[in-house]
Amino acid sequence: MLSGRLNYGKFREGGLSDSSMRNVKIRTHIVPFVTILIILAASVAVIAYGRGYRPDFGQNIIKATGLLSVTSDPIGAQVYVDGKLKTATNNAFNIDPDWYTVRIVKEGYIAWEKKVRVQGEIVTRADAFLFPLNPSLSPVTSTGIENPVLSPDGTKIAYATPVSSPVSNPSEKPGGLWVYELVERPLGRNRDPRQIGVSEAGFDFSTATIVWSPDSTQIMADNGREVRLYQSDRAAQYRDVSTTYQAFLNAWRTERQTKELQKLAAFKQPIVDLATASARIISFSPDESKILYEATAAATIPPVIDPPLIGTNSTEETRKIELGNIYMYDSHEDKNYFVLKQGELPDTMPTPSPRRATGQRQTPRISDGIVPSPRIYWFPTSRHLVLPLEGKIDIMEYDRTNWITVYSGPFVDSFIAPWPTGSRIIIVTNLNPDASTLPNLYTVNLR
């Protein structure tokens, strides 16, 4: 009986002693608790690592770093940070917070360089669109052209060809009005120019004024005696609008301004007020997030996003604008950058618009084809501006950095048309004046 009681006391509840039971219970509670602590510690470590915290074994500390993301078009360029090769483009790496000079280099292309600020736990971007050192030229037309006009949507060029008299070659195309679409077919082939009007004895398109409709679907040709209205996608069909010519112009001007005002309505009120009182809008970027404008009065742009965003463009901006200068406002980052001084483009700069009288309410001034505007064009990236200068074509980023020359040579009347994909620029030039007195359309191939 005694032996039975002892055995029962020692091995009761399954044969375990009281101390063993306590150990089992402790282990039962501690193991899940330790597991949870390990999971929490691992999660915190992963989150901290993802936010840029890295161990510094030299100082035995954990410190915050920033992430520098570098991309290029085309890809495969080398990335130098303060002169040291770090990686290839389309990559990201952690780096201590500081100011750095990032240089992106690819053989056959103009190097890209910019000073950027890296902040702890913040992603800083350096995105480079690289332009070739020696772009090639390809002819688009060969018969000679006159009066090229780019459509408002930037996808078509209307131009005239001269009347050949006498016609020595029966297969020669007659003179008239042509439309060239800036689009590509599969396998990289381009569309051929399409003739929509034929010159006649009483109507020579080479001496007519050509005007596009705001929606880029119609063309008016005015030879001083007759005005014809053509559809850009139909051949040899027109309507005589000589008696309603001015009404068409007024309607098109109103439509153009209405579209621009709709774009402006997406911006914050301080920017709308700026466009109303102290600026004339030259153009909106293709993605409609930026405004290129001429200051018509000195003013200070108040903060629109407060507090300011972090991780934005590091280039110094200016909030004070001066009469006659050209600026660019970026609505995504609430940044305003100086672009050009008054007179920096002496052959293309307009006379500044007059100041409005005090207390007089005006709608935003927008270039409508009547008031001359500087010949500055947006590149399709919405990050670059194209400037046709004397004997060359320059491109710079919207904050005036990376100003480069992409073409140096003759071109006519400062006419340029960036291809909608950014792969080339259309120019008008005559590379063989001895053989022909008229220029032709050429592409400056950037890709």
Protein backbone atom coordinates (compact mmCIF):
# COMPACT_ATOMS: atom_id res chain seq x y z
CA MET A 1 0.00 0.00 0.00
CA LEU A 2 2.81 2.40 0.88
CA SER A 3 4.61 1.56 -2.32
CA GLY A 4 1.45 2.17 -4.27
CA ARG A 5 0.94 5.56 -2.62
CA LEU A 6 4.53 6.59 -3.36
CA ASN A 7 4.25 5.58 -6.94
CA TYR A 8 1.00 7.44 -7.23
CA GLY A 9 2.50 10.61 -5.78
CA LYS A 10 5.57 10.39 -7.99
CA PHE A 11 3.87 9.51 -11.18
CA ARG A 12 0.42 10.99 -10.78
CA GLU A 13 -1.07 12.74 -13.76
CA GLY A 14 0.59 10.53 -16.29
CA GLY A 15 3.67 9.57 -14.30
CA LEU A 16 5.30 13.12 -14.04
CA SER A 17 6.43 14.72 -10.81
CA ASP A 18 5.30 18.23 -9.74
CA SER A 19 8.62 19.78 -10.76
CA SER A 20 8.52 18.09 -14.14
CA MET A 21 4.99 19.34 -14.64
CA ARG A 22 6.09 22.88 -13.84
CA ASN A 23 8.92 22.61 -16.36
CA VAL A 24 6.55 21.36 -19.02
CA LYS A 25 4.15 24.20 -18.32
CA ILE A 26 6.97 26.78 -18.46
CA ARG A 27 8.23 25.39 -21.73
CA THR A 28 4.70 25.34 -23.07
CA HIS A 29 4.37 29.10 -22.43
CA ILE A 30 7.95 30.21 -23.17
CA VAL A 31 8.36 28.58 -26.59
CA PRO A 32 5.44 30.44 -28.24
CA PHE A 33 6.50 33.68 -26.51
CA VAL A 34 10.10 33.37 -27.76
CA THR A 35 8.83 32.45 -31.21
CA ILE A 36 6.67 35.58 -31.31
CA LEU A 37 9.62 37.70 -30.17
CA ILE A 38 11.82 36.24 -32.91
CA ILE A 39 9.15 36.88 -35.53
CA LEU A 40 8.68 40.46 -34.31
CA ALA A 41 12.43 41.09 -34.25
CA ALA A 42 12.82 39.65 -37.74
CA SER A 43 9.92 41.79 -39.01
CA VAL A 44 11.42 44.94 -37.50
CA ALA A 45 14.79 44.07 -39.03
CA VAL A 46 13.25 43.48 -42.46
CA ILE A 47 11.27 46.74 -42.29
CA ALA A 48 14.34 48.67 -41.12
CA TYR A 49 16.42 47.14 -43.90
CA GLY A 50 13.76 47.99 -46.44
CA ARG A 51 13.70 51.59 -45.20
CA GLY A 52 17.43 51.88 -45.71
CA TYR A 53 18.95 51.17 -42.29
CA ARG A 54 22.35 49.47 -42.53
CA PRO A 55 24.95 48.38 -39.93
CA ASP A 56 28.14 50.44 -39.79
CA PHE A 57 30.68 48.01 -38.36
CA GLY A 58 33.35 50.71 -38.20
CA GLN A 59 31.31 52.75 -35.73
CA ASN A 60 29.24 49.82 -34.37
CA ILE A 61 25.96 51.57 -35.09
CA ILE A 62 22.87 51.13 -37.23
CA LYS A 63 22.41 54.16 -39.48
CA ALA A 64 19.85 55.33 -42.02
CA THR A 65 20.75 55.35 -45.72
CA GLY A 66 18.91 56.50 -48.81
CA LEU A 67 18.07 54.54 -51.93
CA LEU A 68 19.40 55.92 -55.23
CA SER A 69 17.41 54.57 -58.18
CA VAL A 70 19.10 55.14 -61.55
CA THR A 71 17.53 54.47 -64.94
CA SER A 72 18.45 55.32 -68.51
CA ASP A 73 16.96 55.17 -71.97
CA PRO A 74 18.56 53.27 -73.63
CA ILE A 75 19.45 50.88 -70.82
CA GLY A 76 22.88 49.46 -70.05
CA ALA A 77 24.71 52.69 -69.21
CA GLN A 78 27.37 53.01 -66.51
CA VAL A 79 26.59 54.94 -63.33
CA TYR A 80 29.30 57.04 -61.70
CA VAL A 81 28.73 58.64 -58.29
CA ASP A 82 31.25 61.37 -57.46
CA GLY A 83 33.50 59.91 -60.15
CA LYS A 84 33.35 56.31 -58.90
CA LEU A 85 31.73 53.55 -60.94
CA LYS A 86 28.87 52.09 -58.91
CA THR A 87 26.60 50.00 -61.10
CA ALA A 88 24.71 49.86 -64.38
CA THR A 89 21.47 51.72 -65.01
CA ASN A 90 18.01 50.40 -64.22
CA ASN A 91 19.29 49.52 -60.79
CA ALA A 92 19.04 50.86 -57.24
CA PHE A 93 21.48 50.87 -54.34
CA ASN A 94 21.77 52.24 -50.82
CA ILE A 95 24.01 55.18 -50.12
CA ASP A 96 24.65 57.53 -47.20
CA PRO A 97 22.57 60.72 -47.11
CA ASP A 98 24.46 63.56 -48.81
CA TRP A 99 24.78 65.51 -52.05
CA TYR A 100 26.26 63.55 -54.97
CA THR A 101 27.16 64.16 -58.59
CA VAL A 102 25.63 61.35 -60.63
CA ARG A 103 27.01 60.80 -64.12
CA ILE A 104 25.49 58.30 -66.55
CA VAL A 105 27.68 57.24 -69.47
CA LYS A 106 27.03 55.02 -72.49
CA GLU A 107 29.27 54.63 -75.52
CA GLY A 108 27.93 56.54 -78.51
CA TYR A 109 25.71 58.83 -76.40
CA ILE A 110 26.12 62.22 -74.75
CA ALA A 111 26.83 61.77 -71.03
CA TRP A 112 24.14 62.78 -68.53
CA GLU A 113 25.13 64.48 -65.28
CA LYS A 114 23.24 65.95 -62.38
CA LYS A 115 23.75 66.86 -58.74
CA VAL A 116 21.23 65.06 -56.56
CA ARG A 117 20.44 65.01 -52.86
CA VAL A 118 20.04 61.65 -51.14
CA GLN A 119 18.02 61.62 -47.91
CA GLY A 120 17.72 58.88 -45.32
CA GLU A 121 14.85 56.41 -45.82
CA ILE A 122 13.93 58.20 -49.09
CA VAL A 123 14.13 56.97 -52.68
CA THR A 124 15.99 59.46 -54.90
CA ARG A 125 15.62 59.04 -58.66
CA ALA A 126 18.10 59.81 -61.42
CA ASP A 127 16.43 59.18 -64.77
CA ALA A 128 18.45 59.88 -67.89
CA PHE A 129 17.22 60.06 -71.48
CA LEU A 130 20.43 59.72 -73.47
CA PHE A 131 20.90 61.39 -76.87
CA PRO A 132 23.33 60.05 -79.51
CA LEU A 133 26.64 61.79 -80.13
CA ASN A 134 26.25 61.55 -83.90
CA PRO A 135 22.61 61.26 -84.96
CA SER A 136 21.95 60.20 -88.54
CA LEU A 137 19.76 61.96 -91.11
CA SER A 138 17.13 60.26 -93.27
CA PRO A 139 15.10 61.94 -96.05
CA VAL A 140 11.32 61.93 -95.87
CA THR A 141 10.59 63.86 -99.11
CA SER A 142 12.62 64.40 -102.27
CA THR A 143 10.59 66.74 -104.50
CA GLY A 144 11.11 69.88 -102.40
CA ILE A 145 8.55 71.36 -100.00
CA GLU A 146 7.27 74.74 -98.83
CA ASN A 147 5.19 76.08 -95.93
CA PRO A 148 5.46 73.15 -93.46
CA VAL A 149 3.02 73.44 -90.53
CA LEU A 150 2.84 71.06 -87.55
CA SER A 151 -0.63 70.06 -86.35
CA PRO A 152 -1.68 71.09 -82.82
CA ASP A 153 -1.50 67.50 -81.56
CA GLY A 154 2.02 67.12 -82.94
CA THR A 155 1.22 64.04 -85.04
CA LYS A 156 0.96 65.48 -88.57
CA ILE A 157 2.81 67.89 -90.83
CA ALA A 158 1.03 69.72 -93.64
CA TYR A 159 3.18 71.11 -96.43
CA ALA A 160 3.00 72.23 -100.05
CA THR A 161 4.93 71.03 -103.07
CA PRO A 162 5.55 73.34 -106.03
CA VAL A 163 3.93 73.07 -109.43
CA SER A 164 6.39 71.68 -111.98
CA SER A 165 6.13 73.45 -115.32
CA PRO A 166 6.63 72.00 -117.78
CA VAL A 167 6.30 68.43 -116.54
CA SER A 168 9.20 66.60 -118.13
CA ASN A 169 8.56 63.34 -116.31
CA PRO A 170 5.02 61.90 -116.70
CA SER A 171 5.41 59.96 -113.43
CA GLU A 172 6.26 63.08 -111.44
CA LYS A 173 3.75 63.86 -108.71
CA PRO A 174 1.76 67.07 -109.21
CA GLY A 175 2.20 70.00 -106.88
CA GLY A 176 -0.32 70.45 -104.09
CA LEU A 177 -1.09 70.04 -100.39
CA TRP A 178 0.33 67.04 -98.55
CA VAL A 179 0.04 65.54 -95.07
CA TYR A 180 2.76 63.45 -93.44
CA GLU A 181 1.75 61.49 -90.32
CA LEU A 182 4.34 61.03 -87.58
CA VAL A 183 3.45 57.42 -86.88
CA GLU A 184 5.20 54.13 -87.43
CA ARG A 185 3.95 50.97 -89.01
CA PRO A 186 5.05 47.51 -87.83
CA LEU A 187 8.72 46.68 -88.43
CA GLY A 188 9.61 50.35 -88.04
CA ARG A 189 8.30 51.44 -91.44
CA ASN A 190 6.86 54.95 -91.74
CA ARG A 191 3.73 56.03 -93.54
CA ASP A 192 4.21 57.74 -96.88
CA PRO A 193 3.08 61.36 -97.28
CA ARG A 194 -0.50 61.63 -98.53
CA GLN A 195 -1.66 64.26 -101.02
CA ILE A 196 -5.02 65.82 -100.14
CA GLY A 197 -5.07 68.78 -102.55
CA VAL A 198 -3.81 69.41 -106.09
CA SER A 199 -2.55 72.82 -107.20
CA GLU A 200 -4.44 74.44 -110.06
CA ALA A 201 -3.93 77.41 -112.29
CA GLY A 202 -5.81 79.65 -109.88
CA PHE A 203 -4.74 78.02 -106.63
CA ASP A 204 -1.09 77.29 -105.87
CA PHE A 205 -0.58 75.76 -102.43
CA SER A 206 3.10 76.73 -102.37
CA THR A 207 2.06 80.39 -101.95
CA ALA A 208 -0.95 79.77 -99.69
CA THR A 209 -1.24 80.18 -95.92
CA ILE A 210 -1.93 76.85 -94.19
CA VAL A 211 -3.79 76.68 -90.85
CA TRP A 212 -4.68 73.57 -88.82
CA SER A 213 -7.91 73.17 -86.85
CA PRO A 214 -7.50 72.71 -83.06
CA ASP A 215 -8.44 69.02 -83.30
CA SER A 216 -5.89 68.42 -86.11
CA THR A 217 -8.52 67.01 -88.47
CA GLN A 218 -9.00 69.97 -90.85
CA ILE A 219 -6.74 72.31 -92.82
CA MET A 220 -7.55 75.73 -94.24
CA ALA A 221 -5.52 76.97 -97.21
CA ASP A 222 -5.74 80.68 -98.08
CA ASN A 223 -4.16 82.00 -101.29
CA GLY A 224 -5.43 85.54 -100.79
CA ARG A 225 -8.37 85.17 -103.16
CA GLU A 226 -9.94 81.91 -102.11
CA VAL A 227 -9.98 79.89 -98.89
CA ARG A 228 -10.40 76.13 -99.04
CA LEU A 229 -11.19 73.76 -96.18
CA TYR A 230 -9.77 70.21 -96.40
CA GLN A 231 -10.14 67.09 -94.28
CA SER A 232 -6.68 65.82 -93.38
CA ASP A 233 -7.66 62.19 -94.08
CA ARG A 234 -9.42 62.71 -97.41
CA ALA A 235 -7.93 63.38 -100.83
CA ALA A 236 -9.09 66.03 -103.30
CA GLN A 237 -12.20 66.99 -101.35
CA TYR A 238 -12.59 70.55 -100.14
CA ARG A 239 -15.16 73.19 -99.30
CA ASP A 240 -14.91 76.84 -100.30
CA VAL A 241 -15.10 78.85 -97.06
CA SER A 242 -13.97 82.21 -98.42
CA THR A 243 -17.04 84.00 -97.08
CA THR A 244 -16.86 82.34 -93.63
CA TYR A 245 -13.07 82.32 -93.28
CA GLN A 246 -12.94 84.77 -90.39
CA ALA A 247 -15.75 83.00 -88.57
CA PHE A 248 -13.79 79.74 -88.83
CA LEU A 249 -10.65 81.41 -87.46
CA ASN A 250 -12.54 82.92 -84.54
CA ALA A 251 -14.23 79.60 -83.73
CA TRP A 252 -10.94 77.73 -83.90
CA ARG A 253 -9.25 80.32 -81.70
CA THR A 254 -12.02 80.01 -79.12
CA GLU A 255 -11.85 76.22 -79.25
CA ARG A 256 -8.09 76.27 -78.79
CA GLN A 257 -8.29 78.60 -75.82
CA THR A 258 -11.11 76.56 -74.28
CA LYS A 259 -9.01 73.40 -74.45
CA GLU A 260 -6.04 75.16 -72.87
CA LEU A 261 -8.21 76.58 -70.09
CA GLN A 262 -9.53 73.09 -69.37
CA LYS A 263 -5.94 71.92 -68.94
CA LEU A 264 -5.22 74.86 -66.65
CA ALA A 265 -8.26 74.04 -64.51
CA ALA A 266 -6.42 70.93 -63.26
CA PHE A 267 -3.84 73.16 -61.52
CA LYS A 268 -4.19 74.71 -58.06
CA GLN A 269 -5.71 78.15 -57.68
CA PRO A 270 -2.43 80.03 -57.02
CA ILE A 271 -1.14 78.85 -60.40
CA VAL A 272 -4.38 79.82 -62.11
CA ASP A 273 -4.04 83.26 -60.50
CA LEU A 274 -0.45 83.47 -61.76
CA ALA A 275 -1.58 82.69 -65.31
CA THR A 276 -4.29 85.32 -64.96
CA ALA A 277 -2.25 88.18 -63.54
CA SER A 278 1.45 87.73 -64.24
CA ALA A 279 2.06 85.23 -67.04
CA ARG A 280 1.23 84.13 -70.56
CA ILE A 281 1.11 80.39 -71.08
CA ILE A 282 3.27 79.22 -73.97
CA SER A 283 2.39 75.52 -73.82
CA PHE A 284 1.56 72.55 -71.61
CA SER A 285 3.78 69.48 -71.45
CA PRO A 286 2.49 66.38 -73.29
CA ASP A 287 1.41 64.80 -69.98
CA GLU A 288 -0.25 68.13 -69.03
CA SER A 289 1.51 68.24 -65.64
CA LYS A 290 3.84 71.16 -66.47
CA ILE A 291 3.38 74.68 -67.82
CA LEU A 292 5.89 76.60 -69.90
CA TYR A 293 5.11 80.30 -69.55
CA GLU A 294 6.42 83.82 -70.08
CA ALA A 295 6.33 86.22 -67.12
CA THR A 296 4.41 89.39 -67.99
CA ALA A 297 5.00 90.95 -64.58
CA ALA A 298 7.25 90.41 -61.58
CA ALA A 299 5.62 88.13 -59.03
CA THR A 300 6.26 85.55 -56.30
CA ILE A 301 4.65 82.12 -56.51
CA PRO A 302 3.28 81.05 -53.11
CA PRO A 303 3.69 77.43 -51.92
CA VAL A 304 0.99 75.17 -53.30
CA ILE A 305 2.05 71.96 -51.53
CA ASP A 306 2.83 72.66 -47.86
CA PRO A 307 4.87 71.11 -46.36
CA PRO A 308 7.00 70.50 -49.46
CA LEU A 309 7.35 66.97 -50.77
CA ILE A 310 10.54 65.05 -50.00
CA GLY A 311 12.56 63.08 -52.51
CA THR A 312 11.78 65.52 -55.34
CA ASN A 313 14.02 67.14 -57.96
CA SER A 314 17.11 68.48 -56.20
CA THR A 315 17.77 71.30 -58.68
CA GLU A 316 17.31 74.70 -57.06
CA GLU A 317 14.04 76.32 -58.05
CA THR A 318 12.97 79.95 -58.13
CA ARG A 319 9.64 81.25 -56.83
CA LYS A 320 10.31 84.85 -57.88
CA ILE A 321 9.68 85.52 -61.55
CA GLU A 322 10.83 88.53 -63.59
CA LEU A 323 9.20 90.32 -66.50
CA GLY A 324 10.01 88.79 -69.90
CA ASN A 325 11.76 85.65 -68.63
CA ILE A 326 10.50 82.16 -69.39
CA TYR A 327 9.79 79.64 -66.63
CA MET A 328 8.45 76.12 -66.18
CA TYR A 329 6.09 75.06 -63.39
CA ASP A 330 5.77 71.39 -62.35
CA SER A 331 2.45 70.67 -60.65
CA HIS A 332 3.44 67.20 -59.39
CA GLU A 333 6.26 68.56 -57.23
CA ASP A 334 5.15 72.20 -56.90
CA LYS A 335 8.48 73.38 -58.32
CA ASN A 336 9.12 76.41 -60.53
CA TYR A 337 12.29 76.58 -62.63
CA PHE A 338 13.90 79.37 -64.60
CA VAL A 339 14.31 78.40 -68.28
CA LEU A 340 15.46 81.37 -70.36
CA LYS A 341 16.22 85.04 -69.89
CA GLN A 342 14.53 87.72 -71.92
CA GLY A 343 16.56 88.12 -75.09
CA GLU A 344 18.45 84.84 -74.69
CA LEU A 345 16.75 83.76 -77.91
CA PRO A 346 16.86 87.14 -79.69
CA ASP A 347 15.48 85.90 -83.01
CA THR A 348 12.49 84.07 -81.56
CA MET A 349 11.57 85.80 -78.33
CA PRO A 350 8.23 87.65 -78.35
CA THR A 351 7.55 91.08 -76.99
CA PRO A 352 6.23 90.57 -73.44
CA SER A 353 2.48 90.83 -73.11
CA PRO A 354 1.29 94.10 -71.52
CA ARG A 355 0.56 94.26 -67.83
CA ARG A 356 -3.07 94.25 -66.83
CA ALA A 357 -4.49 97.34 -65.20
CA THR A 358 -4.99 97.19 -61.44
CA GLY A 359 -8.38 95.78 -60.57
CA GLN A 360 -9.04 94.62 -64.12
CA ARG A 361 -10.05 90.96 -64.33
CA GLN A 362 -8.57 88.93 -67.16
CA THR A 363 -8.65 85.32 -68.21
CA PRO A 364 -5.30 83.50 -68.42
CA ARG A 365 -3.30 84.58 -71.46
CA ILE A 366 -2.59 81.63 -73.70
CA SER A 367 -0.65 81.55 -76.94
CA ASP A 368 -3.21 81.20 -79.74
CA GLY A 369 -1.11 81.67 -82.85
CA ILE A 370 -1.84 85.39 -83.03
CA VAL A 371 0.61 86.63 -80.41
CA PRO A 372 4.10 85.33 -81.34
CA SER A 373 5.58 82.78 -78.97
CA PRO A 374 9.16 81.65 -78.46
CA ARG A 375 10.00 78.66 -80.60
CA ILE A 376 10.45 76.29 -77.69
CA TYR A 377 8.96 72.83 -77.98
CA TRP A 378 8.22 70.08 -75.49
CA PHE A 379 9.95 66.79 -76.16
CA PRO A 380 7.55 63.80 -75.82
CA THR A 381 9.17 62.78 -72.50
CA SER A 382 7.56 65.83 -70.83
CA ARG A 383 10.96 66.29 -69.16
CA HIS A 384 12.84 68.01 -72.00
CA LEU A 385 12.56 71.23 -73.98
CA VAL A 386 13.73 71.58 -77.59
CA LEU A 387 15.26 74.87 -78.75
CA PRO A 388 15.91 75.58 -82.44
CA LEU A 389 18.85 77.99 -82.45
CA GLU A 390 20.98 79.43 -85.24
CA GLY A 391 22.58 76.49 -87.02
CA LYS A 392 21.78 73.93 -84.33
CA ILE A 393 19.08 72.26 -82.27
CA ASP A 394 19.54 72.06 -78.50
CA ILE A 395 17.67 70.01 -75.91
CA MET A 396 17.68 70.57 -72.17
CA GLU A 397 15.80 69.22 -69.20
CA TYR A 398 12.94 71.34 -67.92
CA ASP A 399 15.04 72.59 -64.97
CA ARG A 400 17.73 73.89 -67.38
CA THR A 401 20.16 71.06 -66.62
CA ASN A 402 21.84 68.81 -69.21
CA TRP A 403 21.69 71.43 -71.97
CA ILE A 404 23.14 69.71 -75.05
CA THR A 405 23.26 70.05 -78.84
CA VAL A 406 21.67 67.13 -80.70
CA TYR A 407 21.99 68.53 -84.24
CA SER A 408 24.41 71.03 -85.74
CA GLY A 409 23.84 71.99 -89.35
CA PRO A 410 21.50 73.86 -91.67
CA PHE A 411 17.74 73.79 -91.29
CA VAL A 412 15.09 76.10 -92.65
CA ASP A 413 12.88 78.62 -90.85
CA SER A 414 13.59 77.09 -87.44
CA PHE A 415 10.95 74.44 -88.20
CA ILE A 416 11.24 71.33 -86.06
CA ALA A 417 8.77 68.64 -85.08
CA PRO A 418 9.64 66.12 -82.35
CA TRP A 419 8.43 62.61 -83.21
CA PRO A 420 5.67 61.57 -80.75
CA THR A 421 7.76 58.63 -79.47
CA GLY A 422 10.91 60.72 -79.03
CA SER A 423 12.82 58.55 -81.50
CA ARG A 424 13.63 61.41 -83.90
CA ILE A 425 13.12 65.06 -84.78
CA ILE A 426 11.75 66.26 -88.13
CA ILE A 427 13.57 69.22 -89.70
CA VAL A 428 13.42 71.02 -93.05
CA THR A 429 16.79 71.39 -94.74
CA ASN A 430 18.52 71.42 -98.11
CA LEU A 431 21.67 69.33 -98.07
CA ASN A 432 22.41 69.91 -101.77
CA PRO A 433 21.56 73.48 -102.78
CA ASP A 434 23.31 73.04 -106.14
CA ALA A 435 20.84 70.35 -107.20
CA SER A 436 17.64 71.89 -105.80
CA THR A 437 16.56 75.29 -104.59
CA LEU A 438 13.89 73.86 -102.31
CA PRO A 439 14.46 72.02 -98.99
CA ASN A 440 12.98 68.69 -97.95
CA LEU A 441 11.79 67.00 -94.79
CA TYR A 442 14.47 65.01 -92.98
CA THR A 443 14.51 63.03 -89.76
CA VAL A 444 17.26 63.48 -87.19
CA ASN A 445 17.34 59.96 -85.80
CA LEU A 446 17.80 59.80 -82.03
CA ARG A 447 17.13 56.07 -81.60
